[in-house]
Amino acid sequence: MDIAKLSDRVTHDLRKAISAELSLEERLAIEKIVVQALLDATGKTHEAYKSVASKCCGPEADLAHKIQAQMDKKRDMLIANLVSMR
């Protein structure tokens, strides 16, 4: 699932769960919190996968470096997309 769609869905679900009407500033604050939480989660997941890839490919360090470079590139693209949503 696309991070932008996921953050929109979570923000929408939060708005439905809160009975009071929220101002634009409050809605933007909620969206910012959701996006930051997703960034944190994807960052931790990225680090965990990178660590596992490095361990399982010990003698094949070149392969591990290629995997790490691809993951870093994808993470950077994800962060750029999330930042552009703000």
PDB file of N, CA and C in Angstrom:
ATOM      1  N   MET A   1       0.843  -1.181   0.000  1.00  0.00           N
ATOM      2  CA  MET A   1       0.000   0.000   0.000  1.00  0.00           C
ATOM      3  C   MET A   1       0.887   1.243   0.000  1.00  0.00           C
ATOM      4  N   ASP A   2       0.511   2.206  -0.750  1.00  0.00           N
ATOM      5  CA  ASP A   2       1.191   3.492  -0.863  1.00  0.00           C
ATOM      6  C   ASP A   2       1.127   4.223   0.482  1.00  0.00           C
ATOM      7  N   ILE A   3       2.239   4.809   0.914  1.00  0.00           N
ATOM      8  CA  ILE A   3       2.295   5.510   2.199  1.00  0.00           C
ATOM      9  C   ILE A   3       1.324   6.681   2.230  1.00  0.00           C
ATOM     10  N   ALA A   4       1.194   7.403   1.136  1.00  0.00           N
ATOM     11  CA  ALA A   4       0.269   8.545   1.103  1.00  0.00           C
ATOM     12  C   ALA A   4      -1.162   8.071   1.318  1.00  0.00           C
ATOM     13  N   LYS A   5      -1.541   6.987   0.650  1.00  0.00           N
ATOM     14  CA  LYS A   5      -2.895   6.453   0.820  1.00  0.00           C
ATOM     15  C   LYS A   5      -3.101   5.950   2.242  1.00  0.00           C
ATOM     16  N   LEU A   6      -2.089   5.298   2.791  1.00  0.00           N
ATOM     17  CA  LEU A   6      -2.188   4.786   4.152  1.00  0.00           C
ATOM     18  C   LEU A   6      -2.338   5.921   5.154  1.00  0.00           C
ATOM     19  N   SER A   7      -1.542   6.971   5.018  1.00  0.00           N
ATOM     20  CA  SER A   7      -1.647   8.094   5.957  1.00  0.00           C
ATOM     21  C   SER A   7      -2.990   8.798   5.816  1.00  0.00           C
ATOM     22  N   ASP A   8      -3.502   8.917   4.594  1.00  0.00           N
ATOM     23  CA  ASP A   8      -4.833   9.504   4.396  1.00  0.00           C
ATOM     24  C   ASP A   8      -5.908   8.655   5.060  1.00  0.00           C
ATOM     25  N   ARG A   9      -5.808   7.334   4.907  1.00  0.00           N
ATOM     26  CA  ARG A   9      -6.809   6.442   5.496  1.00  0.00           C
ATOM     27  C   ARG A   9      -6.778   6.516   7.018  1.00  0.00           C
ATOM     28  N   VAL A  10      -5.578   6.491   7.592  1.00  0.00           N
ATOM     29  CA  VAL A  10      -5.456   6.554   9.048  1.00  0.00           C
ATOM     30  C   VAL A  10      -5.971   7.894   9.567  1.00  0.00           C
ATOM     31  N   THR A  11      -5.624   8.978   8.896  1.00  0.00           N
ATOM     32  CA  THR A  11      -6.107  10.300   9.300  1.00  0.00           C
ATOM     33  C   THR A  11      -7.623  10.359   9.218  1.00  0.00           C
ATOM     34  N   HIS A  12      -8.187   9.824   8.159  1.00  0.00           N
ATOM     35  CA  HIS A  12      -9.648   9.794   8.000  1.00  0.00           C
ATOM     36  C   HIS A  12     -10.293   8.972   9.120  1.00  0.00           C
ATOM     37  N   ASP A  13      -9.725   7.811   9.425  1.00  0.00           N
ATOM     38  CA  ASP A  13     -10.260   6.969  10.494  1.00  0.00           C
ATOM     39  C   ASP A  13     -10.184   7.673  11.847  1.00  0.00           C
ATOM     40  N   LEU A  14      -9.102   8.403  12.073  1.00  0.00           N
ATOM     41  CA  LEU A  14      -8.979   9.155  13.327  1.00  0.00           C
ATOM     42  C   LEU A  14     -10.031  10.252  13.412  1.00  0.00           C
ATOM     43  N   ARG A  15     -10.273  10.934  12.302  1.00  0.00           N
ATOM     44  CA  ARG A  15     -11.300  11.982  12.297  1.00  0.00           C
ATOM     45  C   ARG A  15     -12.675  11.398  12.592  1.00  0.00           C
ATOM     46  N   LYS A  16     -12.965  10.223  12.039  1.00  0.00           N
ATOM     47  CA  LYS A  16     -14.253   9.578  12.300  1.00  0.00           C
ATOM     48  C   LYS A  16     -14.366   9.152  13.760  1.00  0.00           C
ATOM     49  N   ALA A  17     -13.258   8.723  14.351  1.00  0.00           N
ATOM     50  CA  ALA A  17     -13.271   8.242  15.732  1.00  0.00           C
ATOM     51  C   ALA A  17     -13.420   9.377  16.740  1.00  0.00           C
ATOM     52  N   ILE A  18     -12.987  10.567  16.371  1.00  0.00           N
ATOM     53  CA  ILE A  18     -13.089  11.720  17.269  1.00  0.00           C
ATOM     54  C   ILE A  18     -14.435  12.379  17.016  1.00  0.00           C
ATOM     55  N   SER A  19     -15.221  12.514  18.091  1.00  0.00           N
ATOM     56  CA  SER A  19     -16.584  13.025  17.916  1.00  0.00           C
ATOM     57  C   SER A  19     -16.621  14.524  17.633  1.00  0.00           C
ATOM     58  N   ALA A  20     -15.668  15.269  18.143  1.00  0.00           N
ATOM     59  CA  ALA A  20     -15.668  16.726  17.957  1.00  0.00           C
ATOM     60  C   ALA A  20     -15.187  17.087  16.552  1.00  0.00           C
ATOM     61  N   GLU A  21     -15.694  18.193  16.038  1.00  0.00           N
ATOM     62  CA  GLU A  21     -15.244  18.706  14.741  1.00  0.00           C
ATOM     63  C   GLU A  21     -13.853  19.313  14.927  1.00  0.00           C
ATOM     64  N   LEU A  22     -12.944  18.975  14.047  1.00  0.00           N
ATOM     65  CA  LEU A  22     -11.569  19.457  14.163  1.00  0.00           C
ATOM     66  C   LEU A  22     -11.327  20.623  13.220  1.00  0.00           C
ATOM     67  N   SER A  23     -10.514  21.542  13.701  1.00  0.00           N
ATOM     68  CA  SER A  23     -10.132  22.665  12.846  1.00  0.00           C
ATOM     69  C   SER A  23      -9.105  22.184  11.821  1.00  0.00           C
ATOM     70  N   LEU A  24      -8.844  23.028  10.841  1.00  0.00           N
ATOM     71  CA  LEU A  24      -7.853  22.691   9.818  1.00  0.00           C
ATOM     72  C   LEU A  24      -6.483  22.466  10.450  1.00  0.00           C
ATOM     73  N   GLU A  25      -6.115  23.310  11.410  1.00  0.00           N
ATOM     74  CA  GLU A  25      -4.819  23.166  12.081  1.00  0.00           C
ATOM     75  C   GLU A  25      -4.726  21.830  12.806  1.00  0.00           C
ATOM     76  N   GLU A  26      -5.816  21.422  13.471  1.00  0.00           N
ATOM     77  CA  GLU A  26      -5.815  20.150  14.191  1.00  0.00           C
ATOM     78  C   GLU A  26      -5.717  18.970  13.223  1.00  0.00           C
ATOM     79  N   ARG A  27      -6.427  19.061  12.107  1.00  0.00           N
ATOM     80  CA  ARG A  27      -6.358  17.987  11.110  1.00  0.00           C
ATOM     81  C   ARG A  27      -4.949  17.879  10.533  1.00  0.00           C
ATOM     82  N   LEU A  28      -4.332  19.021  10.258  1.00  0.00           N
ATOM     83  CA  LEU A  28      -2.961  19.010   9.729  1.00  0.00           C
ATOM     84  C   LEU A  28      -1.978  18.457  10.761  1.00  0.00           C
ATOM     85  N   ALA A  29      -2.215  18.786  12.037  1.00  0.00           N
ATOM     86  CA  ALA A  29      -1.351  18.266  13.098  1.00  0.00           C
ATOM     87  C   ALA A  29      -1.468  16.746  13.184  1.00  0.00           C
ATOM     88  N   ILE A  30      -2.697  16.233  13.072  1.00  0.00           N
ATOM     89  CA  ILE A  30      -2.906  14.783  13.095  1.00  0.00           C
ATOM     90  C   ILE A  30      -2.212  14.136  11.905  1.00  0.00           C
ATOM     91  N   GLU A  31      -2.358  14.733  10.734  1.00  0.00           N
ATOM     92  CA  GLU A  31      -1.716  14.179   9.537  1.00  0.00           C
ATOM     93  C   GLU A  31      -0.197  14.177   9.688  1.00  0.00           C
ATOM     94  N   LYS A  32       0.348  15.235  10.267  1.00  0.00           N
ATOM     95  CA  LYS A  32       1.796  15.311  10.476  1.00  0.00           C
ATOM     96  C   LYS A  32       2.261  14.206  11.428  1.00  0.00           C
ATOM     97  N   ILE A  33       1.478  13.955  12.488  1.00  0.00           N
ATOM     98  CA  ILE A  33       1.814  12.896  13.443  1.00  0.00           C
ATOM     99  C   ILE A  33       1.784  11.535  12.755  1.00  0.00           C
ATOM    100  N   VAL A  34       0.766  11.304  11.936  1.00  0.00           N
ATOM    101  CA  VAL A  34       0.640  10.030  11.225  1.00  0.00           C
ATOM    102  C   VAL A  34       1.816   9.836  10.273  1.00  0.00           C
ATOM    103  N   VAL A  35       2.148  10.850   9.515  1.00  0.00           N
ATOM    104  CA  VAL A  35       3.262  10.750   8.559  1.00  0.00           C
ATOM    105  C   VAL A  35       4.568  10.486   9.299  1.00  0.00           C
ATOM    106  N   GLN A  36       4.787  11.172  10.422  1.00  0.00           N
ATOM    107  CA  GLN A  36       6.019  10.967  11.189  1.00  0.00           C
ATOM    108  C   GLN A  36       6.076   9.551  11.750  1.00  0.00           C
ATOM    109  N   ALA A  37       4.935   9.044  12.226  1.00  0.00           N
ATOM    110  CA  ALA A  37       4.899   7.675  12.744  1.00  0.00           C
ATOM    111  C   ALA A  37       5.225   6.669  11.643  1.00  0.00           C
ATOM    112  N   LEU A  38       4.694   6.900  10.446  1.00  0.00           N
ATOM    113  CA  LEU A  38       4.990   6.008   9.326  1.00  0.00           C
ATOM    114  C   LEU A  38       6.464   6.092   8.930  1.00  0.00           C
ATOM    115  N   LEU A  39       7.020   7.294   8.942  1.00  0.00           N
ATOM    116  CA  LEU A  39       8.451   7.447   8.646  1.00  0.00           C
ATOM    117  C   LEU A  39       9.298   6.691   9.664  1.00  0.00           C
ATOM    118  N   ASP A  40       8.938   6.838  10.948  1.00  0.00           N
ATOM    119  CA  ASP A  40       9.678   6.142  12.000  1.00  0.00           C
ATOM    120  C   ASP A  40       9.594   4.627  11.818  1.00  0.00           C
ATOM    121  N   ALA A  41       8.381   4.141  11.546  1.00  0.00           N
ATOM    122  CA  ALA A  41       8.189   2.694  11.382  1.00  0.00           C
ATOM    123  C   ALA A  41       8.949   2.166  10.174  1.00  0.00           C
ATOM    124  N   THR A  42       8.884   2.884   9.059  1.00  0.00           N
ATOM    125  CA  THR A  42       9.595   2.411   7.870  1.00  0.00           C
ATOM    126  C   THR A  42      11.105   2.488   8.067  1.00  0.00           C
ATOM    127  N   GLY A  43      11.564   3.490   8.801  1.00  0.00           N
ATOM    128  CA  GLY A  43      12.997   3.600   9.083  1.00  0.00           C
ATOM    129  C   GLY A  43      13.500   2.437   9.923  1.00  0.00           C
ATOM    130  N   LYS A  44      12.733   2.084  10.966  1.00  0.00           N
ATOM    131  CA  LYS A  44      13.121   0.959  11.822  1.00  0.00           C
ATOM    132  C   LYS A  44      13.077  -0.350  11.043  1.00  0.00           C
ATOM    133  N   THR A  45      12.053  -0.518  10.226  1.00  0.00           N
ATOM    134  CA  THR A  45      11.943  -1.728   9.406  1.00  0.00           C
ATOM    135  C   THR A  45      13.109  -1.814   8.430  1.00  0.00           C
ATOM    136  N   HIS A  46      13.440  -0.685   7.823  1.00  0.00           N
ATOM    137  CA  HIS A  46      14.562  -0.630   6.881  1.00  0.00           C
ATOM    138  C   HIS A  46      15.857  -1.062   7.564  1.00  0.00           C
ATOM    139  N   GLU A  47      16.105  -0.527   8.748  1.00  0.00           N
ATOM    140  CA  GLU A  47      17.329  -0.871   9.471  1.00  0.00           C
ATOM    141  C   GLU A  47      17.353  -2.354   9.829  1.00  0.00           C
ATOM    142  N   ALA A  48      16.204  -2.897  10.242  1.00  0.00           N
ATOM    143  CA  ALA A  48      16.140  -4.317  10.593  1.00  0.00           C
ATOM    144  C   ALA A  48      16.420  -5.192   9.373  1.00  0.00           C
ATOM    145  N   TYR A  49      15.813  -4.862   8.241  1.00  0.00           N
ATOM    146  CA  TYR A  49      16.040  -5.636   7.020  1.00  0.00           C
ATOM    147  C   TYR A  49      17.488  -5.526   6.561  1.00  0.00           C
ATOM    148  N   LYS A  50      18.049  -4.334   6.676  1.00  0.00           N
ATOM    149  CA  LYS A  50      19.437  -4.136   6.262  1.00  0.00           C
ATOM    150  C   LYS A  50      20.367  -4.969   7.141  1.00  0.00           C
ATOM    151  N   SER A  51      20.076  -5.006   8.435  1.00  0.00           N
ATOM    152  CA  SER A  51      20.889  -5.784   9.359  1.00  0.00           C
ATOM    153  C   SER A  51      20.816  -7.272   9.029  1.00  0.00           C
ATOM    154  N   VAL A  52      19.611  -7.763   8.775  1.00  0.00           N
ATOM    155  CA  VAL A  52      19.435  -9.178   8.429  1.00  0.00           C
ATOM    156  C   VAL A  52      20.134  -9.494   7.113  1.00  0.00           C
ATOM    157  N   ALA A  53      19.993  -8.621   6.135  1.00  0.00           N
ATOM    158  CA  ALA A  53      20.629  -8.856   4.834  1.00  0.00           C
ATOM    159  C   ALA A  53      22.146  -8.908   4.979  1.00  0.00           C
ATOM    160  N   SER A  54      22.700  -8.055   5.823  1.00  0.00           N
ATOM    161  CA  SER A  54      24.150  -8.048   6.017  1.00  0.00           C
ATOM    162  C   SER A  54      24.621  -9.318   6.713  1.00  0.00           C
ATOM    163  N   LYS A  55      23.842  -9.800   7.689  1.00  0.00           N
ATOM    164  CA  LYS A  55      24.228 -11.009   8.424  1.00  0.00           C
ATOM    165  C   LYS A  55      24.115 -12.257   7.559  1.00  0.00           C
ATOM    166  N   CYS A  56      23.029 -12.367   6.811  1.00  0.00           N
ATOM    167  CA  CYS A  56      22.823 -13.595   6.033  1.00  0.00           C
ATOM    168  C   CYS A  56      23.776 -13.681   4.850  1.00  0.00           C
ATOM    169  N   CYS A  57      24.285 -12.582   4.414  1.00  0.00           N
ATOM    170  CA  CYS A  57      25.163 -12.564   3.239  1.00  0.00           C
ATOM    171  C   CYS A  57      26.602 -12.285   3.635  1.00  0.00           C
ATOM    172  N   GLY A  58      26.985 -12.645   4.859  1.00  0.00           N
ATOM    173  CA  GLY A  58      28.304 -12.341   5.402  1.00  0.00           C
ATOM    174  C   GLY A  58      29.439 -12.442   4.409  1.00  0.00           C
ATOM    175  N   PRO A  59      29.717 -13.643   3.877  1.00  0.00           N
ATOM    176  CA  PRO A  59      30.854 -13.754   2.960  1.00  0.00           C
ATOM    177  C   PRO A  59      30.617 -13.067   1.617  1.00  0.00           C
ATOM    178  N   GLU A  60      29.375 -12.848   1.302  1.00  0.00           N
ATOM    179  CA  GLU A  60      29.064 -12.201   0.030  1.00  0.00           C
ATOM    180  C   GLU A  60      28.808 -10.717   0.273  1.00  0.00           C
ATOM    181  N   ALA A  61      29.798 -10.035   0.778  1.00  0.00           N
ATOM    182  CA  ALA A  61      29.647  -8.632   1.159  1.00  0.00           C
ATOM    183  C   ALA A  61      29.211  -7.759  -0.008  1.00  0.00           C
ATOM    184  N   ASP A  62      29.662  -8.074  -1.206  1.00  0.00           N
ATOM    185  CA  ASP A  62      29.286  -7.270  -2.367  1.00  0.00           C
ATOM    186  C   ASP A  62      27.778  -7.309  -2.575  1.00  0.00           C
ATOM    187  N   LEU A  63      27.184  -8.488  -2.446  1.00  0.00           N
ATOM    188  CA  LEU A  63      25.738  -8.624  -2.585  1.00  0.00           C
ATOM    189  C   LEU A  63      25.024  -7.840  -1.488  1.00  0.00           C
ATOM    190  N   ALA A  64      25.531  -7.929  -0.273  1.00  0.00           N
ATOM    191  CA  ALA A  64      24.929  -7.192   0.842  1.00  0.00           C
ATOM    192  C   ALA A  64      24.995  -5.693   0.590  1.00  0.00           C
ATOM    193  N   HIS A  65      26.105  -5.219   0.042  1.00  0.00           N
ATOM    194  CA  HIS A  65      26.233  -3.786  -0.253  1.00  0.00           C
ATOM    195  C   HIS A  65      25.262  -3.361  -1.348  1.00  0.00           C
ATOM    196  N   LYS A  66      25.066  -4.225  -2.347  1.00  0.00           N
ATOM    197  CA  LYS A  66      24.106  -3.903  -3.404  1.00  0.00           C
ATOM    198  C   LYS A  66      22.688  -3.840  -2.845  1.00  0.00           C
ATOM    199  N   ILE A  67      22.349  -4.793  -1.989  1.00  0.00           N
ATOM    200  CA  ILE A  67      21.020  -4.791  -1.363  1.00  0.00           C
ATOM    201  C   ILE A  67      20.849  -3.538  -0.517  1.00  0.00           C
ATOM    202  N   GLN A  68      21.885  -3.198   0.253  1.00  0.00           N
ATOM    203  CA  GLN A  68      21.827  -2.009   1.095  1.00  0.00           C
ATOM    204  C   GLN A  68      21.655  -0.752   0.252  1.00  0.00           C
ATOM    205  N   ALA A  69      22.358  -0.657  -0.844  1.00  0.00           N
ATOM    206  CA  ALA A  69      22.247   0.522  -1.711  1.00  0.00           C
ATOM    207  C   ALA A  69      20.844   0.643  -2.287  1.00  0.00           C
ATOM    208  N   GLN A  70      20.260  -0.484  -2.691  1.00  0.00           N
ATOM    209  CA  GLN A  70      18.892  -0.456  -3.215  1.00  0.00           C
ATOM    210  C   GLN A  70      17.901  -0.039  -2.132  1.00  0.00           C
ATOM    211  N   MET A  71      18.079  -0.564  -0.928  1.00  0.00           N
ATOM    212  CA  MET A  71      17.176  -0.214   0.171  1.00  0.00           C
ATOM    213  C   MET A  71      17.318   1.259   0.537  1.00  0.00           C
ATOM    214  N   ASP A  72      18.547   1.756   0.552  1.00  0.00           N
ATOM    215  CA  ASP A  72      18.766   3.170   0.851  1.00  0.00           C
ATOM    216  C   ASP A  72      18.092   4.057  -0.193  1.00  0.00           C
ATOM    217  N   LYS A  73      18.198   3.667  -1.446  1.00  0.00           N
ATOM    218  CA  LYS A  73      17.575   4.440  -2.525  1.00  0.00           C
ATOM    219  C   LYS A  73      16.059   4.454  -2.362  1.00  0.00           C
ATOM    220  N   LYS A  74      15.472   3.300  -2.064  1.00  0.00           N
ATOM    221  CA  LYS A  74      14.021   3.223  -1.882  1.00  0.00           C
ATOM    222  C   LYS A  74      13.580   4.020  -0.660  1.00  0.00           C
ATOM    223  N   ARG A  75      14.365   3.970   0.421  1.00  0.00           N
ATOM    224  CA  ARG A  75      14.036   4.746   1.610  1.00  0.00           C
ATOM    225  C   ARG A  75      14.072   6.240   1.297  1.00  0.00           C
ATOM    226  N   ASP A  76      15.089   6.675   0.564  1.00  0.00           N
ATOM    227  CA  ASP A  76      15.195   8.087   0.205  1.00  0.00           C
ATOM    228  C   ASP A  76      14.015   8.529  -0.657  1.00  0.00           C
ATOM    229  N   MET A  77      13.583   7.655  -1.569  1.00  0.00           N
ATOM    230  CA  MET A  77      12.421   7.978  -2.399  1.00  0.00           C
ATOM    231  C   MET A  77      11.165   8.072  -1.539  1.00  0.00           C
ATOM    232  N   LEU A  78      11.016   7.166  -0.578  1.00  0.00           N
ATOM    233  CA  LEU A  78       9.867   7.181   0.322  1.00  0.00           C
ATOM    234  C   LEU A  78       9.837   8.465   1.135  1.00  0.00           C
ATOM    235  N   ILE A  79      10.965   8.846   1.678  1.00  0.00           N
ATOM    236  CA  ILE A  79      11.038  10.072   2.477  1.00  0.00           C
ATOM    237  C   ILE A  79      10.727  11.282   1.615  1.00  0.00           C
ATOM    238  N   ALA A  80      11.238  11.316   0.402  1.00  0.00           N
ATOM    239  CA  ALA A  80      10.951  12.439  -0.497  1.00  0.00           C
ATOM    240  C   ALA A  80       9.457  12.522  -0.790  1.00  0.00           C
ATOM    241  N   ASN A  81       8.817  11.375  -1.004  1.00  0.00           N
ATOM    242  CA  ASN A  81       7.375  11.370  -1.254  1.00  0.00           C
ATOM    243  C   ASN A  81       6.599  11.847  -0.035  1.00  0.00           C
ATOM    244  N   LEU A  82       6.993  11.400   1.150  1.00  0.00           N
ATOM    245  CA  LEU A  82       6.288  11.816   2.365  1.00  0.00           C
ATOM    246  C   LEU A  82       6.483  13.302   2.642  1.00  0.00           C
ATOM    247  N   VAL A  83       7.688  13.792   2.421  1.00  0.00           N
ATOM    248  CA  VAL A  83       7.951  15.217   2.643  1.00  0.00           C
ATOM    249  C   VAL A  83       7.128  16.058   1.674  1.00  0.00           C
ATOM    250  N   SER A  84       6.960  15.581   0.456  1.00  0.00           N
ATOM    251  CA  SER A  84       6.184  16.351  -0.521  1.00  0.00           C
ATOM    252  C   SER A  84       4.704  16.391  -0.166  1.00  0.00           C
ATOM    253  N   MET A  85       4.239  15.479   0.692  1.00  0.00           N
ATOM    254  CA  MET A  85       2.834  15.475   1.111  1.00  0.00           C
ATOM    255  C   MET A  85       2.529  16.598   2.092  1.00  0.00           C
ATOM    256  N   ARG A  86       3.535  17.110   2.778  1.00  0.00           N
ATOM    257  CA  ARG A  86       3.302  18.111   3.830  1.00  0.00           C
ATOM    258  C   ARG A  86       2.755  19.382   3.282  1.00  0.00           C
TER     259      ARG A  86
END
